[in-house]
C-alpha atoms as a PDB file:
ATOM      1  CA  MET A   1     -15.299 -11.458 -32.751  1.00  0.00           C
ATOM      2  CA  ASP A   2     -12.728 -13.244 -34.898  1.00  0.00           C
ATOM      3  CA  LEU A   3      -8.960 -13.255 -34.395  1.00  0.00           C
ATOM      4  CA  LYS A   4      -8.258 -10.503 -36.944  1.00  0.00           C
ATOM      5  CA  GLU A   5     -10.669  -8.138 -35.207  1.00  0.00           C
ATOM      6  CA  ILE A   6      -9.087  -8.861 -31.831  1.00  0.00           C
ATOM      7  CA  ILE A   7      -5.593  -8.203 -33.176  1.00  0.00           C
ATOM      8  CA  ALA A   8      -6.756  -5.038 -34.949  1.00  0.00           C
ATOM      9  CA  LYS A   9      -8.267  -3.749 -31.720  1.00  0.00           C
ATOM     10  CA  LYS A  10      -5.037  -4.425 -29.805  1.00  0.00           C
ATOM     11  CA  VAL A  11      -2.956  -2.774 -32.555  1.00  0.00           C
ATOM     12  CA  ARG A  12      -5.106   0.365 -32.453  1.00  0.00           C
ATOM     13  CA  GLY A  13      -4.895   0.469 -28.660  1.00  0.00           C
ATOM     14  CA  TYR A  14      -1.120   0.162 -28.575  1.00  0.00           C
ATOM     15  CA  TYR A  15      -0.781   2.709 -31.387  1.00  0.00           C
ATOM     16  CA  ALA A  16      -2.968   5.174 -29.502  1.00  0.00           C
ATOM     17  CA  LYS A  17      -0.638   4.783 -26.505  1.00  0.00           C
ATOM     18  CA  GLY A  18       2.265   5.889 -28.678  1.00  0.00           C
ATOM     19  CA  LEU A  19       4.046   2.642 -29.495  1.00  0.00           C
ATOM     20  CA  THR A  20       5.884   2.289 -32.796  1.00  0.00           C
ATOM     21  CA  TYR A  21       5.054  -0.329 -35.413  1.00  0.00           C
ATOM     22  CA  SER A  22       8.096  -2.374 -34.358  1.00  0.00           C
ATOM     23  CA  GLU A  23       7.167  -2.286 -30.677  1.00  0.00           C
ATOM     24  CA  ILE A  24       3.572  -3.296 -31.394  1.00  0.00           C
ATOM     25  CA  GLY A  25       4.781  -6.081 -33.677  1.00  0.00           C
ATOM     26  CA  LYS A  26       7.019  -7.468 -30.952  1.00  0.00           C
ATOM     27  CA  LEU A  27       4.208  -7.394 -28.398  1.00  0.00           C
ATOM     28  CA  LEU A  28       1.736  -9.157 -30.690  1.00  0.00           C
ATOM     29  CA  ASP A  29       4.251 -11.368 -32.522  1.00  0.00           C
ATOM     30  CA  ILE A  30       3.442  -9.917 -35.941  1.00  0.00           C
ATOM     31  CA  SER A  31       5.574  -7.977 -38.421  1.00  0.00           C
ATOM     32  CA  PRO A  32       5.803  -4.171 -38.312  1.00  0.00           C
ATOM     33  CA  ARG A  33       4.416  -4.113 -41.852  1.00  0.00           C
ATOM     34  CA  THR A  34       1.336  -6.037 -40.702  1.00  0.00           C
ATOM     35  CA  VAL A  35       0.896  -3.505 -37.888  1.00  0.00           C
ATOM     36  CA  GLN A  36       1.116  -0.712 -40.455  1.00  0.00           C
ATOM     37  CA  ARG A  37      -1.591  -2.375 -42.545  1.00  0.00           C
ATOM     38  CA  TYR A  38      -3.910  -2.639 -39.538  1.00  0.00           C
ATOM     39  CA  ILE A  39      -3.365   1.042 -38.716  1.00  0.00           C
ATOM     40  CA  THR A  40      -3.881   2.145 -42.319  1.00  0.00           C
ATOM     41  CA  SER A  41      -7.016   0.042 -42.786  1.00  0.00           C
ATOM     42  CA  SER A  42      -8.530   1.304 -39.536  1.00  0.00           C
ATOM     43  CA  GLY A  43      -8.346   4.903 -40.735  1.00  0.00           C
ATOM     44  CA  VAL A  44      -6.317   6.152 -37.780  1.00  0.00           C
ATOM     45  CA  LYS A  45      -4.472   9.301 -38.775  1.00  0.00           C
ATOM     46  CA  LYS A  46      -0.775   9.440 -37.961  1.00  0.00           C
ATOM     47  CA  GLU A  47      -1.025  13.089 -36.914  1.00  0.00           C
ATOM     48  CA  LEU A  48      -3.293  12.189 -34.014  1.00  0.00           C
ATOM     49  CA  SER A  49      -0.737  10.039 -32.272  1.00  0.00           C
ATOM     50  CA  GLU A  50       2.959  10.516 -32.903  1.00  0.00           C
ATOM     51  CA  PRO A  51       4.695   7.404 -31.547  1.00  0.00           C
ATOM     52  CA  LYS A  52       7.387   7.928 -28.924  1.00  0.00           C
ATOM     53  CA  THR A  53      10.657   6.058 -28.916  1.00  0.00           C
ATOM     54  CA  LEU A  54      11.431   3.662 -26.108  1.00  0.00           C
ATOM     55  CA  GLN A  55      13.969   6.138 -24.754  1.00  0.00           C
ATOM     56  CA  GLN A  56      11.415   8.964 -24.654  1.00  0.00           C
ATOM     57  CA  ARG A  57       8.945   6.710 -22.871  1.00  0.00           C
ATOM     58  CA  ALA A  58      11.654   5.667 -20.393  1.00  0.00           C
ATOM     59  CA  PHE A  59      12.366   9.322 -19.584  1.00  0.00           C
ATOM     60  CA  ASP A  60       8.638  10.017 -19.168  1.00  0.00           C
ATOM     61  CA  LEU A  61       8.245   7.080 -16.776  1.00  0.00           C
ATOM     62  CA  SER A  62      11.325   8.150 -14.844  1.00  0.00           C
ATOM     63  CA  ALA A  63       9.862  11.646 -14.455  1.00  0.00           C
ATOM     64  CA  LYS A  64       6.722  10.044 -13.013  1.00  0.00           C
ATOM     65  CA  GLY A  65       8.848   8.351 -10.333  1.00  0.00           C
ATOM     66  CA  PHE A  66       9.258   4.825 -11.678  1.00  0.00           C
ATOM     67  CA  SER A  67      12.509   2.999 -10.887  1.00  0.00           C
ATOM     68  CA  TYR A  68      14.847   1.736 -13.598  1.00  0.00           C
ATOM     69  CA  THR A  69      13.734  -1.824 -12.835  1.00  0.00           C
ATOM     70  CA  GLU A  70      10.041  -0.927 -13.197  1.00  0.00           C
ATOM     71  CA  ILE A  71      10.718   0.981 -16.419  1.00  0.00           C
ATOM     72  CA  ALA A  72      12.688  -1.955 -17.833  1.00  0.00           C
ATOM     73  CA  LYS A  73       9.804  -4.338 -17.125  1.00  0.00           C
ATOM     74  CA  LYS A  74       7.212  -2.021 -18.679  1.00  0.00           C
ATOM     75  CA  LEU A  75       9.270  -1.432 -21.832  1.00  0.00           C
ATOM     76  CA  ARG A  76      10.616  -4.987 -22.026  1.00  0.00           C
ATOM     77  CA  VAL A  77      14.262  -3.959 -22.055  1.00  0.00           C
ATOM     78  CA  THR A  78      17.043  -4.572 -19.551  1.00  0.00           C
ATOM     79  CA  LYS A  79      17.612  -2.406 -16.506  1.00  0.00           C
ATOM     80  CA  THR A  80      21.117  -1.707 -17.815  1.00  0.00           C
ATOM     81  CA  THR A  81      19.662  -0.310 -21.046  1.00  0.00           C
ATOM     82  CA  VAL A  82      17.438   2.084 -19.108  1.00  0.00           C
ATOM     83  CA  TYR A  83      20.395   3.124 -16.956  1.00  0.00           C
ATOM     84  CA  ASN A  84      22.564   3.769 -20.027  1.00  0.00           C
ATOM     85  CA  TRP A  85      19.842   5.895 -21.689  1.00  0.00           C
ATOM     86  CA  HIS A  86      19.623   8.087 -18.607  1.00  0.00           C
ATOM     87  CA  LYS A  87      23.400   8.255 -18.265  1.00  0.00           C
ATOM     88  CA  ARG A  88      23.757   9.448 -21.874  1.00  0.00           C
ATOM     89  CA  LYS A  89      20.945  11.963 -21.418  1.00  0.00           C
ATOM     90  CA  LYS A  90      22.647  13.421 -18.333  1.00  0.00           C
ATOM     91  CA  ARG A  91      25.915  13.743 -20.263  1.00  0.00           C
ATOM     92  CA  GLY A  92      24.025  15.495 -23.036  1.00  0.00           C
ATOM     93  CA  SER A  93      25.054  13.128 -25.800  1.00  0.00           C
ATOM     94  CA  ASN A  94      22.634  12.021 -28.510  1.00  0.00           C
ATOM     95  CA  ILE A  95      21.018   8.664 -28.079  1.00  0.00           C
END
């Protein structure tokens, strides 16, 4: 299996988990446009997997019982960012 096939497989996997093009690009050190090309060429339909924002994923993980520190590590953001997202959500303001 060559490098392109390995990257394409990882891109499809991350996309299926709900990551956005930008998030996948950061994880694999490629541009979001390159991620989009891999998704388009693989024939994956956008309707099958609507990507969630980092904030939505943070709220989902929090509902499953993960701590802010654990969420921050999984999403590769700071613990303060996760705290602020939850604080804004509790206040009812838009994120």
